[in-house]
Amino acid sequence: MDLRALLSIPYLLEAEAVETEPGEWLVRLAYPELPGCTAEGVVVEDVLKNLERQRIEMIVRLVEAGRLPPVPRQPLASSDPLWTARDLGLSDRVTALLDARTPQNRT
């Protein structure tokens, strides 16, 4: 399975609101199938973006180390991990790895 497919795998998302002090709440999100892939904060959209960055960076690190991330289900055919990586402002290294593998760039 190539990097594009691995980044298109849908993982279960856990979400919870946590009261840190009386009347003060934060959102905690996690991909429990990717150990250690969690994020928390006040604004749910920001927390989700942070979690997605972590997911992509974790999968790329595993692939670069010659290891596969958990593959609990098939990749989504409609996913565009290159767009997601660029939208999240990930490093040029991640974008370049994905861009080099797009069908139009294969010869």
N, C-alpha and C. Protein backbone atom coordinates (compact mmCIF):
# COMPACT_ATOMS: atom_id res chain seq x y z
N MET A 1 0.86 -1.17 0.00
CA MET A 1 0.00 0.00 0.00
C MET A 1 0.91 1.24 0.00
N ASP A 2 0.65 2.19 -0.90
CA ASP A 2 1.50 3.37 -0.98
C ASP A 2 1.05 4.44 0.02
N LEU A 3 1.86 5.50 0.12
CA LEU A 3 1.60 6.56 1.09
C LEU A 3 0.25 7.22 0.86
N ARG A 4 -0.11 7.48 -0.38
CA ARG A 4 -1.40 8.11 -0.69
C ARG A 4 -2.55 7.25 -0.13
N ALA A 5 -2.49 5.95 -0.35
CA ALA A 5 -3.54 5.06 0.16
C ALA A 5 -3.55 5.04 1.68
N LEU A 6 -2.36 4.98 2.29
CA LEU A 6 -2.29 4.95 3.75
C LEU A 6 -2.87 6.23 4.36
N LEU A 7 -2.66 7.36 3.71
CA LEU A 7 -3.20 8.62 4.22
C LEU A 7 -4.70 8.77 3.93
N SER A 8 -5.26 7.87 3.15
CA SER A 8 -6.69 7.90 2.82
C SER A 8 -7.51 6.95 3.68
N ILE A 9 -6.87 6.27 4.60
CA ILE A 9 -7.58 5.33 5.48
C ILE A 9 -8.42 6.11 6.48
N PRO A 10 -9.70 5.79 6.59
CA PRO A 10 -10.54 6.47 7.60
C PRO A 10 -10.36 5.81 8.97
N TYR A 11 -9.96 6.59 9.93
CA TYR A 11 -9.79 6.10 11.30
C TYR A 11 -10.95 6.57 12.15
N LEU A 12 -11.28 5.79 13.17
CA LEU A 12 -12.32 6.18 14.10
C LEU A 12 -11.89 7.43 14.84
N LEU A 13 -12.81 8.35 15.04
CA LEU A 13 -12.54 9.60 15.74
C LEU A 13 -13.32 9.61 17.04
N GLU A 14 -12.61 9.80 18.15
CA GLU A 14 -13.26 9.95 19.45
C GLU A 14 -13.23 11.43 19.82
N ALA A 15 -14.35 11.91 20.34
CA ALA A 15 -14.44 13.31 20.75
C ALA A 15 -15.12 13.40 22.10
N GLU A 16 -14.59 14.30 22.93
CA GLU A 16 -15.23 14.53 24.22
C GLU A 16 -14.98 15.96 24.67
N ALA A 17 -15.93 16.49 25.40
CA ALA A 17 -15.77 17.79 26.04
C ALA A 17 -15.34 17.51 27.48
N VAL A 18 -14.31 18.22 27.92
CA VAL A 18 -13.74 17.97 29.25
C VAL A 18 -13.76 19.27 30.04
N GLU A 19 -14.34 19.21 31.24
CA GLU A 19 -14.34 20.38 32.11
C GLU A 19 -13.02 20.39 32.88
N THR A 20 -12.18 21.38 32.61
CA THR A 20 -10.86 21.45 33.25
C THR A 20 -10.92 22.15 34.60
N GLU A 21 -11.81 23.12 34.71
CA GLU A 21 -12.10 23.84 35.95
C GLU A 21 -13.58 24.17 35.91
N PRO A 22 -14.19 24.48 37.02
CA PRO A 22 -15.61 24.80 36.99
C PRO A 22 -15.93 25.87 35.94
N GLY A 23 -16.75 25.50 34.96
CA GLY A 23 -17.18 26.41 33.92
C GLY A 23 -16.20 26.58 32.76
N GLU A 24 -15.04 25.89 32.80
CA GLU A 24 -14.07 25.97 31.72
C GLU A 24 -13.94 24.60 31.06
N TRP A 25 -14.14 24.61 29.73
CA TRP A 25 -14.19 23.36 28.98
C TRP A 25 -13.18 23.38 27.84
N LEU A 26 -12.78 22.20 27.45
CA LEU A 26 -11.99 22.06 26.24
C LEU A 26 -12.45 20.81 25.50
N VAL A 27 -12.07 20.75 24.24
CA VAL A 27 -12.41 19.61 23.39
C VAL A 27 -11.20 18.70 23.31
N ARG A 28 -11.41 17.42 23.47
CA ARG A 28 -10.34 16.44 23.33
C ARG A 28 -10.73 15.48 22.20
N LEU A 29 -9.88 15.39 21.18
CA LEU A 29 -10.11 14.50 20.04
C LEU A 29 -8.98 13.49 19.96
N ALA A 30 -9.28 12.31 19.45
CA ALA A 30 -8.26 11.27 19.30
C ALA A 30 -8.63 10.30 18.20
N TYR A 31 -7.60 9.75 17.58
CA TYR A 31 -7.75 8.59 16.70
C TYR A 31 -7.24 7.41 17.51
N PRO A 32 -8.12 6.68 18.19
CA PRO A 32 -7.66 5.62 19.09
C PRO A 32 -6.93 4.48 18.37
N GLU A 33 -7.13 4.34 17.07
CA GLU A 33 -6.44 3.29 16.32
C GLU A 33 -5.00 3.68 15.99
N LEU A 34 -4.66 4.95 16.24
CA LEU A 34 -3.30 5.44 16.06
C LEU A 34 -2.79 5.87 17.44
N PRO A 35 -2.14 4.99 18.15
CA PRO A 35 -1.73 5.28 19.53
C PRO A 35 -0.97 6.60 19.65
N GLY A 36 -1.42 7.42 20.61
CA GLY A 36 -0.78 8.70 20.87
C GLY A 36 -1.25 9.83 19.99
N CYS A 37 -2.16 9.58 19.07
CA CYS A 37 -2.64 10.61 18.14
C CYS A 37 -3.85 11.29 18.78
N THR A 38 -3.58 12.34 19.59
CA THR A 38 -4.62 13.06 20.30
C THR A 38 -4.34 14.57 20.23
N ALA A 39 -5.38 15.35 20.41
CA ALA A 39 -5.24 16.80 20.45
C ALA A 39 -6.35 17.36 21.33
N GLU A 40 -6.07 18.50 21.93
CA GLU A 40 -7.11 19.15 22.73
C GLU A 40 -6.95 20.66 22.66
N GLY A 41 -8.05 21.34 22.90
CA GLY A 41 -8.06 22.79 22.88
C GLY A 41 -9.47 23.31 23.04
N VAL A 42 -9.63 24.60 22.85
CA VAL A 42 -10.92 25.24 23.08
C VAL A 42 -11.79 25.25 21.83
N VAL A 43 -11.20 25.48 20.66
CA VAL A 43 -11.95 25.60 19.41
C VAL A 43 -11.87 24.28 18.65
N VAL A 44 -13.01 23.65 18.43
CA VAL A 44 -13.04 22.31 17.85
C VAL A 44 -12.37 22.26 16.47
N GLU A 45 -12.55 23.29 15.67
CA GLU A 45 -11.93 23.29 14.33
C GLU A 45 -10.41 23.28 14.42
N ASP A 46 -9.86 24.06 15.35
CA ASP A 46 -8.41 24.09 15.54
C ASP A 46 -7.88 22.76 16.06
N VAL A 47 -8.63 22.15 16.96
CA VAL A 47 -8.22 20.86 17.51
C VAL A 47 -8.24 19.79 16.42
N LEU A 48 -9.25 19.81 15.57
CA LEU A 48 -9.34 18.84 14.48
C LEU A 48 -8.18 19.01 13.50
N LYS A 49 -7.85 20.25 13.16
CA LYS A 49 -6.71 20.48 12.26
C LYS A 49 -5.41 19.97 12.89
N ASN A 50 -5.23 20.22 14.16
CA ASN A 50 -4.04 19.72 14.86
C ASN A 50 -3.99 18.20 14.84
N LEU A 51 -5.12 17.58 15.08
CA LEU A 51 -5.18 16.11 15.06
C LEU A 51 -4.86 15.56 13.68
N GLU A 52 -5.39 16.20 12.63
CA GLU A 52 -5.11 15.75 11.27
C GLU A 52 -3.63 15.90 10.92
N ARG A 53 -3.01 17.00 11.36
CA ARG A 53 -1.57 17.17 11.15
C ARG A 53 -0.81 16.02 11.79
N GLN A 54 -1.18 15.71 13.03
CA GLN A 54 -0.52 14.62 13.75
C GLN A 54 -0.69 13.29 13.02
N ARG A 55 -1.91 13.03 12.54
CA ARG A 55 -2.17 11.77 11.84
C ARG A 55 -1.28 11.64 10.61
N ILE A 56 -1.24 12.69 9.80
CA ILE A 56 -0.44 12.64 8.58
C ILE A 56 1.04 12.51 8.91
N GLU A 57 1.54 13.31 9.85
CA GLU A 57 2.96 13.25 10.21
C GLU A 57 3.33 11.89 10.79
N MET A 58 2.44 11.30 11.59
CA MET A 58 2.71 9.99 12.18
C MET A 58 2.80 8.92 11.08
N ILE A 59 1.87 8.93 10.15
CA ILE A 59 1.87 7.94 9.08
C ILE A 59 3.11 8.10 8.20
N VAL A 60 3.48 9.34 7.87
CA VAL A 60 4.68 9.58 7.06
C VAL A 60 5.92 9.08 7.79
N ARG A 61 6.05 9.38 9.08
CA ARG A 61 7.22 8.90 9.84
C ARG A 61 7.29 7.38 9.85
N LEU A 62 6.16 6.71 10.04
CA LEU A 62 6.15 5.25 10.03
C LEU A 62 6.59 4.71 8.69
N VAL A 63 6.06 5.26 7.61
CA VAL A 63 6.41 4.80 6.26
C VAL A 63 7.90 5.03 6.00
N GLU A 64 8.39 6.20 6.38
CA GLU A 64 9.82 6.48 6.18
C GLU A 64 10.71 5.52 6.97
N ALA A 65 10.20 5.03 8.09
CA ALA A 65 10.95 4.08 8.91
C ALA A 65 10.76 2.64 8.45
N GLY A 66 10.00 2.46 7.36
CA GLY A 66 9.76 1.12 6.84
C GLY A 66 8.70 0.34 7.58
N ARG A 67 7.85 1.05 8.33
CA ARG A 67 6.78 0.40 9.09
C ARG A 67 5.44 0.88 8.56
N LEU A 68 4.42 0.06 8.72
CA LEU A 68 3.07 0.42 8.30
C LEU A 68 2.25 0.87 9.51
N PRO A 69 1.40 1.87 9.33
CA PRO A 69 0.47 2.23 10.39
C PRO A 69 -0.64 1.18 10.45
N PRO A 70 -1.45 1.20 11.50
CA PRO A 70 -2.60 0.30 11.53
C PRO A 70 -3.49 0.54 10.30
N VAL A 71 -3.99 -0.55 9.74
CA VAL A 71 -4.88 -0.46 8.57
C VAL A 71 -6.19 -1.17 8.94
N PRO A 72 -7.06 -0.49 9.70
CA PRO A 72 -8.29 -1.13 10.17
C PRO A 72 -9.37 -1.26 9.11
N ARG A 73 -9.25 -0.50 8.00
CA ARG A 73 -10.24 -0.56 6.93
C ARG A 73 -9.61 -0.05 5.64
N GLN A 74 -10.30 -0.23 4.54
CA GLN A 74 -9.78 0.16 3.23
C GLN A 74 -9.73 1.69 3.08
N PRO A 75 -8.80 2.19 2.27
CA PRO A 75 -8.73 3.65 2.02
C PRO A 75 -9.99 4.15 1.34
N LEU A 76 -10.31 5.40 1.57
CA LEU A 76 -11.42 6.04 0.90
C LEU A 76 -11.02 6.40 -0.52
N ALA A 77 -11.83 6.03 -1.49
CA ALA A 77 -11.52 6.32 -2.89
C ALA A 77 -11.60 7.82 -3.17
N SER A 78 -12.44 8.53 -2.44
CA SER A 78 -12.66 9.95 -2.71
C SER A 78 -11.71 10.87 -1.94
N SER A 79 -10.80 10.32 -1.17
CA SER A 79 -9.89 11.12 -0.37
C SER A 79 -8.80 11.76 -1.23
N ASP A 80 -8.38 12.97 -0.85
CA ASP A 80 -7.29 13.65 -1.53
C ASP A 80 -6.27 14.09 -0.49
N PRO A 81 -5.38 13.19 -0.08
CA PRO A 81 -4.43 13.53 0.98
C PRO A 81 -3.47 14.65 0.60
N LEU A 82 -3.19 14.84 -0.68
CA LEU A 82 -2.31 15.93 -1.09
C LEU A 82 -2.97 17.27 -0.78
N TRP A 83 -4.25 17.41 -1.10
CA TRP A 83 -4.97 18.64 -0.79
C TRP A 83 -4.98 18.86 0.72
N THR A 84 -5.26 17.81 1.49
CA THR A 84 -5.32 17.92 2.95
C THR A 84 -3.98 18.36 3.51
N ALA A 85 -2.88 17.75 3.04
CA ALA A 85 -1.55 18.12 3.53
C ALA A 85 -1.25 19.58 3.25
N ARG A 86 -1.56 20.04 2.05
CA ARG A 86 -1.32 21.45 1.71
C ARG A 86 -2.21 22.37 2.54
N ASP A 87 -3.47 22.00 2.71
CA ASP A 87 -4.41 22.83 3.46
C ASP A 87 -3.97 22.98 4.91
N LEU A 88 -3.36 21.94 5.46
CA LEU A 88 -2.93 21.97 6.85
C LEU A 88 -1.57 22.64 7.04
N GLY A 89 -0.95 23.04 5.94
CA GLY A 89 0.34 23.72 6.04
C GLY A 89 1.46 22.80 6.47
N LEU A 90 1.37 21.54 6.08
CA LEU A 90 2.42 20.60 6.45
C LEU A 90 3.70 20.90 5.70
N SER A 91 4.76 20.33 6.16
CA SER A 91 6.07 20.60 5.59
C SER A 91 6.11 20.27 4.10
N ASP A 92 7.01 20.94 3.42
CA ASP A 92 7.21 20.68 2.00
C ASP A 92 7.60 19.22 1.76
N ARG A 93 8.30 18.63 2.72
CA ARG A 93 8.72 17.22 2.60
C ARG A 93 7.51 16.31 2.43
N VAL A 94 6.49 16.50 3.25
CA VAL A 94 5.29 15.66 3.18
C VAL A 94 4.57 15.89 1.86
N THR A 95 4.40 17.15 1.51
CA THR A 95 3.73 17.48 0.25
C THR A 95 4.50 16.91 -0.93
N ALA A 96 5.82 17.03 -0.91
CA ALA A 96 6.64 16.50 -2.00
C ALA A 96 6.53 14.98 -2.10
N LEU A 97 6.50 14.29 -0.98
CA LEU A 97 6.35 12.83 -1.00
C LEU A 97 5.05 12.43 -1.66
N LEU A 98 3.98 13.14 -1.34
CA LEU A 98 2.68 12.82 -1.93
C LEU A 98 2.63 13.25 -3.40
N ASP A 99 3.11 14.44 -3.69
CA ASP A 99 3.05 14.98 -5.04
C ASP A 99 3.84 14.10 -6.01
N ALA A 100 4.94 13.55 -5.57
CA ALA A 100 5.77 12.70 -6.42
C ALA A 100 5.05 11.40 -6.79
N ARG A 101 4.02 11.06 -6.04
CA ARG A 101 3.31 9.80 -6.27
C ARG A 101 1.97 9.99 -6.94
N THR A 102 1.61 11.21 -7.33
CA THR A 102 0.32 11.41 -8.00
C THR A 102 0.36 10.79 -9.39
N PRO A 103 -0.77 10.25 -9.87
CA PRO A 103 -0.79 9.56 -11.16
C PRO A 103 -0.25 10.40 -12.32
N GLN A 104 -0.54 11.71 -12.35
CA GLN A 104 -0.09 12.52 -13.47
C GLN A 104 1.43 12.72 -13.45
N ASN A 105 2.09 12.47 -12.30
CA ASN A 105 3.55 12.64 -12.21
C ASN A 105 4.29 11.33 -12.45
N ARG A 106 3.60 10.23 -12.58
CA ARG A 106 4.25 8.95 -12.85
C ARG A 106 4.54 8.82 -14.34
N THR A 107 5.70 8.31 -14.66
CA THR A 107 6.03 8.11 -16.07
C THR A 107 6.33 6.66 -16.36
